[in-house]
Amino acid sequence: MFENCPVMLVKANTPSIEVCKLELTDEAQYEVCRFFSDAASEMRSGKTKIQFDGRYSPREDEYFAVQDFQLSEEIICAIRDPTGVPAYAEEKEGFPNIKAIFVGKREESGEVERYVAAFQCFRKEQYLSTSKWLNIFSEDNLFVREKRFGISISNTVDCFIEENELQFISYYFARQIFDLGDHYRSATDKEVLSFTSNERLSIDDPEAFQKLATSWVRRKIAQINDSNVFENYPAEKIRTLAKWEGIDITIEDERIVIPTGKEALKAVLGFLAEEAYRGPFSRNTYIANSKRKL
């Protein structure tokens, strides 16, 4: 898939994306490209594609996809013209701050360009440190010290792109490489403020609630807002439905009281976002960590 493709680094913590090329021996380049080709195929082989919306955790036989995903111009230019990409040079300040390693190729059909690329999120343990660790390698059954800086490349792929579709399994690692904020529905500050002032809700300290709104809370608020649950169900009906699922909801002046305790808050918001349910056999109440419509 990526035979003889250049191997690139994406640096982190820079004002703009910076791409460098790794100058490799023919043997090393062949092996890295083989690693990425095999890993990209394995990531999707025999698995079902699920459209990503931030509300569902894939099973082992599933992977996520984001449609109409646009690679940055810096990465596109690097794949289109790798000869123009500067080679990585060792830095005097120490290790480079690497965000990802990738290989990619450009295909052309008529006037249409398409890009295929595989990305590996770079982990800290992939640095072969010469200051914190004593690296020794076997040479003719004798271990010798290696003083040169180095990195390791694993046989895994965290993101794969083809036909403007981003594919991945772990959102955690995918977001280390790409900004997925536009594809992951989370309430904005304005939405959180609007939620605290909703006439159907009673929040004891709206200002404190806004300050403590975690990413989980923001996702639940977004899901609740998108469902229009308050427009479709009065408070008493919501309380009755919650009771069937083993969740206690308090109502004051026809408004749902949003609790301050962490577990109680999680239960109420989880229920309003349709992520709380009672087990049919144990009759215990659970909060789902993800959901997908059948």
Protein backbone atom coordinates (compact mmCIF):
# COMPACT_ATOMS: atom_id res chain seq x y z
CA MET A 1 0.00 0.00 0.00
CA PHE A 2 2.77 2.46 0.94
CA GLU A 3 5.66 0.90 -0.93
CA ASN A 4 8.65 3.25 -1.03
CA CYS A 5 6.67 6.19 0.42
CA PRO A 6 8.63 8.87 2.32
CA VAL A 7 8.39 8.70 6.12
CA MET A 8 7.43 12.01 7.75
CA LEU A 9 7.33 13.55 11.21
CA VAL A 10 4.76 16.05 12.42
CA LYS A 11 6.22 18.27 15.12
CA ALA A 12 4.11 19.41 18.06
CA ASN A 13 3.83 22.67 20.00
CA THR A 14 4.59 24.94 17.08
CA PRO A 15 2.46 27.91 15.96
CA SER A 16 1.69 26.06 12.74
CA ILE A 17 2.06 22.47 11.61
CA GLU A 18 5.66 21.61 10.80
CA VAL A 19 6.47 18.53 8.77
CA CYS A 20 9.93 16.99 8.45
CA LYS A 21 11.16 14.05 6.43
CA LEU A 22 13.11 11.18 7.93
CA GLU A 23 16.09 10.27 5.79
CA LEU A 24 16.26 6.48 5.96
CA THR A 25 18.30 3.72 4.41
CA ASP A 26 16.47 1.74 1.73
CA GLU A 27 16.07 -1.19 4.11
CA ALA A 28 14.71 0.97 6.96
CA GLN A 29 12.28 2.77 4.66
CA TYR A 30 11.00 -0.52 3.26
CA GLU A 31 10.38 -1.89 6.75
CA VAL A 32 8.61 1.25 8.01
CA CYS A 33 6.35 1.34 4.95
CA ARG A 34 5.59 -2.36 5.38
CA PHE A 35 4.74 -1.76 9.06
CA PHE A 36 2.30 1.00 8.17
CA SER A 37 0.75 -0.88 5.25
CA ASP A 38 0.12 -4.01 7.30
CA ALA A 39 -1.17 -2.06 10.31
CA ALA A 40 -3.58 0.04 8.21
CA SER A 41 -5.07 -3.10 6.69
CA GLU A 42 -5.28 -4.88 10.04
CA MET A 43 -7.00 -1.90 11.70
CA ARG A 44 -10.00 -2.29 9.38
CA SER A 45 -9.92 -5.93 8.32
CA GLY A 46 -13.11 -7.80 9.17
CA LYS A 47 -14.50 -4.81 11.09
CA THR A 48 -17.63 -2.74 10.72
CA LYS A 49 -17.35 0.99 10.00
CA ILE A 50 -19.21 3.25 12.45
CA GLN A 51 -19.79 6.97 11.82
CA PHE A 52 -18.17 8.92 14.64
CA ASP A 53 -20.27 11.31 16.73
CA GLY A 54 -18.58 11.10 20.12
CA ARG A 55 -21.33 9.13 21.84
CA TYR A 56 -20.20 5.59 21.20
CA SER A 57 -17.16 3.46 22.04
CA PRO A 58 -16.39 0.92 19.30
CA ARG A 59 -16.22 -2.80 20.00
CA GLU A 60 -13.22 -4.86 18.95
CA ASP A 61 -14.88 -5.59 15.59
CA GLU A 62 -15.66 -1.94 14.79
CA TYR A 63 -13.81 1.24 13.84
CA PHE A 64 -14.77 4.90 13.52
CA ALA A 65 -15.04 6.99 10.36
CA VAL A 66 -15.33 10.76 9.87
CA GLN A 67 -16.58 11.83 6.46
CA ASP A 68 -15.31 14.88 4.54
CA PHE A 69 -12.20 15.19 6.67
CA GLN A 70 -9.72 17.74 5.40
CA LEU A 71 -6.01 17.22 5.91
CA SER A 72 -3.99 20.34 6.64
CA GLU A 73 -2.36 22.03 3.69
CA GLU A 74 1.08 21.36 5.22
CA ILE A 75 0.50 17.60 5.24
CA ILE A 76 -1.05 17.61 1.75
CA CYS A 77 1.92 19.55 0.37
CA ALA A 78 4.34 17.12 2.06
CA ILE A 79 2.62 14.12 0.43
CA ARG A 80 2.26 15.87 -2.94
CA ASP A 81 5.89 16.99 -3.12
CA PRO A 82 8.06 15.11 -0.58
CA THR A 83 11.25 16.39 -2.24
CA GLY A 84 10.39 19.86 -0.96
CA VAL A 85 10.06 18.71 2.66
CA PRO A 86 13.08 19.54 4.84
CA ALA A 87 14.91 16.57 6.31
CA TYR A 88 14.92 16.20 10.07
CA ALA A 89 18.20 17.36 11.61
CA GLU A 90 19.18 16.56 15.19
CA GLU A 91 18.47 19.46 17.51
CA LYS A 92 20.99 20.76 20.01
CA GLU A 93 18.26 21.49 22.55
CA GLY A 94 17.43 17.78 22.82
CA PHE A 95 14.64 15.60 21.54
CA PRO A 96 12.25 16.97 18.94
CA ASN A 97 8.68 17.31 20.14
CA ILE A 98 7.08 14.78 17.82
CA LYS A 99 3.30 14.57 17.49
CA ALA A 100 3.02 11.85 14.85
CA ILE A 101 4.80 9.78 12.26
CA PHE A 102 3.10 9.20 8.94
CA VAL A 103 3.47 7.84 5.44
CA GLY A 104 1.27 8.86 2.54
CA LYS A 105 0.85 8.82 -1.19
CA ARG A 106 -0.96 10.89 -3.80
CA GLU A 107 -3.13 9.36 -6.48
CA GLU A 108 -4.55 11.22 -9.46
CA SER A 109 -7.51 10.44 -11.69
CA GLY A 110 -8.14 13.04 -14.36
CA GLU A 111 -8.22 16.35 -12.52
CA VAL A 112 -9.02 14.77 -9.16
CA GLU A 113 -6.37 14.30 -6.49
CA ARG A 114 -6.80 11.81 -3.68
CA TYR A 115 -4.55 11.13 -0.74
CA VAL A 116 -4.01 7.95 1.22
CA ALA A 117 -2.10 8.27 4.48
CA ALA A 118 -1.51 6.38 7.71
CA PHE A 119 -0.59 8.09 10.98
CA GLN A 120 0.94 6.80 14.17
CA CYS A 121 0.58 8.90 17.31
CA PHE A 122 4.05 9.28 18.77
CA ARG A 123 4.29 8.15 22.40
CA LYS A 124 6.94 9.31 24.84
CA GLU A 125 8.27 5.78 25.24
CA GLN A 126 9.24 5.79 21.57
CA TYR A 127 12.14 8.12 22.31
CA LEU A 128 15.41 6.21 22.76
CA SER A 129 16.90 8.46 25.40
CA THR A 130 20.65 8.76 25.84
CA SER A 131 20.42 10.78 29.05
CA LYS A 132 17.81 8.98 31.16
CA TRP A 133 18.54 5.48 29.87
CA LEU A 134 21.63 3.45 29.13
CA ASN A 135 20.88 1.84 25.77
CA ILE A 136 22.82 -1.33 25.06
CA PHE A 137 22.54 -3.47 21.94
CA SER A 138 23.89 -6.89 21.09
CA GLU A 139 26.69 -7.09 18.55
CA ASP A 140 28.25 -10.51 17.94
CA ASN A 141 26.96 -11.68 21.35
CA LEU A 142 28.59 -8.67 23.01
CA PHE A 143 26.42 -5.83 24.32
CA VAL A 144 27.71 -2.39 23.41
CA ARG A 145 26.48 1.01 24.49
CA GLU A 146 24.62 3.10 21.93
CA LYS A 147 25.11 6.83 22.52
CA ARG A 148 23.20 8.12 19.51
CA PHE A 149 19.74 9.65 19.70
CA GLY A 150 17.02 7.45 18.26
CA ILE A 151 13.31 6.73 18.04
CA SER A 152 11.35 3.52 17.74
CA ILE A 153 8.45 3.01 15.36
CA SER A 154 5.76 0.51 16.28
CA ASN A 155 3.75 -1.71 13.94
CA THR A 156 0.51 0.12 14.69
CA VAL A 157 -1.57 2.77 12.95
CA ASP A 158 -3.83 5.15 14.88
CA CYS A 159 -5.41 6.95 11.92
CA PHE A 160 -5.91 6.09 8.27
CA ILE A 161 -7.16 8.47 5.60
CA GLU A 162 -8.58 7.66 2.18
CA GLU A 163 -11.17 9.37 -0.01
CA ASN A 164 -11.31 12.29 2.49
CA GLU A 165 -12.44 9.88 5.21
CA LEU A 166 -10.61 9.68 8.52
CA GLN A 167 -10.69 6.21 10.07
CA PHE A 168 -9.57 5.30 13.57
CA ILE A 169 -10.32 3.10 16.57
CA SER A 170 -9.27 5.20 19.54
CA TYR A 171 -10.61 8.74 19.84
CA TYR A 172 -7.99 9.41 22.52
CA PHE A 173 -5.06 8.79 20.16
CA ALA A 174 -6.77 10.24 17.09
CA ARG A 175 -7.27 13.58 18.82
CA GLN A 176 -3.55 13.66 19.70
CA ILE A 177 -2.93 13.93 15.97
CA PHE A 178 -5.93 15.84 14.61
CA ASP A 179 -8.39 18.40 15.92
CA LEU A 180 -11.70 16.53 16.02
CA GLY A 181 -13.59 19.23 17.89
CA ASP A 182 -15.88 19.94 14.93
CA HIS A 183 -16.86 16.28 14.81
CA TYR A 184 -17.33 15.71 18.53
CA ARG A 185 -20.49 17.39 19.75
CA SER A 186 -19.76 19.20 23.01
CA ALA A 187 -21.66 22.12 24.52
CA THR A 188 -20.07 25.53 24.13
CA ASP A 189 -19.81 28.03 26.99
CA LYS A 190 -22.89 29.73 25.56
CA GLU A 191 -24.83 26.45 25.59
CA VAL A 192 -23.78 25.71 29.17
CA LEU A 193 -24.94 29.19 30.20
CA SER A 194 -28.25 28.65 28.39
CA PHE A 195 -28.65 25.26 30.09
CA THR A 196 -28.27 26.80 33.56
CA SER A 197 -30.96 29.36 32.77
CA ASN A 198 -33.42 26.87 31.26
CA GLU A 199 -36.83 27.54 32.79
CA ARG A 200 -37.46 23.79 33.02
CA LEU A 201 -34.44 23.30 35.30
CA SER A 202 -33.52 24.34 38.82
CA ILE A 203 -29.78 24.76 39.43
CA ASP A 204 -28.80 25.95 42.88
CA ASP A 205 -25.61 27.80 41.83
CA PRO A 206 -25.53 28.38 38.04
CA GLU A 207 -22.16 30.14 38.15
CA ALA A 208 -20.50 27.27 40.03
CA PHE A 209 -22.11 24.76 37.65
CA GLN A 210 -20.64 26.60 34.64
CA LYS A 211 -17.16 26.62 36.14
CA LEU A 212 -17.26 22.92 36.96
CA ALA A 213 -18.77 21.76 33.68
CA THR A 214 -16.37 18.98 32.64
CA SER A 215 -16.06 17.63 29.11
CA TRP A 216 -18.40 14.77 30.11
CA VAL A 217 -21.01 17.24 31.40
CA ARG A 218 -20.69 19.32 28.23
CA ARG A 219 -21.26 16.27 26.05
CA LYS A 220 -24.39 15.34 28.02
CA ILE A 221 -25.70 18.91 27.77
CA ALA A 222 -25.16 18.85 23.99
CA GLN A 223 -27.01 15.54 23.68
CA ILE A 224 -29.87 16.77 25.89
CA ASN A 225 -30.20 19.98 23.88
CA ASP A 226 -30.14 18.10 20.58
CA SER A 227 -32.87 15.70 21.75
CA ASN A 228 -35.35 18.49 22.65
CA VAL A 229 -36.37 16.40 25.66
CA PHE A 230 -37.63 19.42 27.63
CA GLU A 231 -39.84 20.55 24.76
CA ASN A 232 -41.34 17.08 24.37
CA TYR A 233 -41.79 15.98 27.99
CA PRO A 234 -43.02 17.86 31.08
CA ALA A 235 -41.09 17.54 34.34
CA GLU A 236 -43.56 15.11 35.94
CA LYS A 237 -43.40 12.77 32.97
CA ILE A 238 -39.60 12.86 33.06
CA ARG A 239 -39.63 12.05 36.78
CA THR A 240 -41.98 9.10 36.18
CA LEU A 241 -39.81 7.72 33.39
CA ALA A 242 -36.71 8.15 35.53
CA LYS A 243 -38.32 6.26 38.40
CA TRP A 244 -38.90 3.28 36.11
CA GLU A 245 -35.13 3.23 35.53
CA GLY A 246 -34.35 3.46 39.25
CA ILE A 247 -33.30 7.12 39.22
CA ASP A 248 -34.70 9.68 41.64
CA ILE A 249 -35.41 13.11 40.19
CA THR A 250 -36.57 15.95 42.41
CA ILE A 251 -39.01 18.56 41.12
CA GLU A 252 -39.52 22.03 42.54
CA ASP A 253 -42.05 24.45 41.07
CA GLU A 254 -42.44 22.18 38.00
CA ARG A 255 -38.70 22.32 37.37
CA ILE A 256 -36.20 19.46 37.46
CA VAL A 257 -33.60 19.94 40.16
CA ILE A 258 -30.06 19.38 38.90
CA PRO A 259 -28.15 17.89 41.86
CA THR A 260 -24.72 19.08 42.98
CA GLY A 261 -23.31 15.72 44.05
CA LYS A 262 -21.08 14.10 41.41
CA GLU A 263 -22.80 10.70 41.27
CA ALA A 264 -26.33 12.15 41.46
CA LEU A 265 -25.49 14.68 38.73
CA LYS A 266 -24.09 11.91 36.53
CA ALA A 267 -27.24 9.83 37.02
CA VAL A 268 -29.65 12.68 36.18
CA LEU A 269 -27.72 14.00 33.17
CA GLY A 270 -27.09 10.46 31.97
CA PHE A 271 -30.81 9.72 32.12
CA LEU A 272 -31.75 12.95 30.32
CA ALA A 273 -29.25 12.02 27.62
CA GLU A 274 -30.80 8.52 27.38
CA GLU A 275 -27.70 6.81 28.73
CA ALA A 276 -29.18 5.42 31.96
CA TYR A 277 -31.08 2.14 32.06
CA ARG A 278 -32.17 -0.62 34.42
CA GLY A 279 -30.81 -4.09 33.82
CA PRO A 280 -33.65 -6.42 32.78
CA PHE A 281 -32.45 -9.23 35.04
CA SER A 282 -30.54 -7.68 37.96
CA ARG A 283 -32.83 -4.61 38.02
CA ASN A 284 -29.74 -2.54 38.85
CA THR A 285 -29.46 0.93 37.32
CA TYR A 286 -26.49 1.54 35.01
CA ILE A 287 -25.00 4.52 33.21
CA ALA A 288 -23.85 3.53 29.71
CA ASN A 289 -20.43 4.77 28.62
CA SER A 290 -21.55 4.91 24.99
CA LYS A 291 -24.53 4.34 22.78
CA ARG A 292 -25.42 3.76 19.16
CA LYS A 293 -28.86 3.58 17.62
CA LEU A 294 -29.74 0.13 16.24
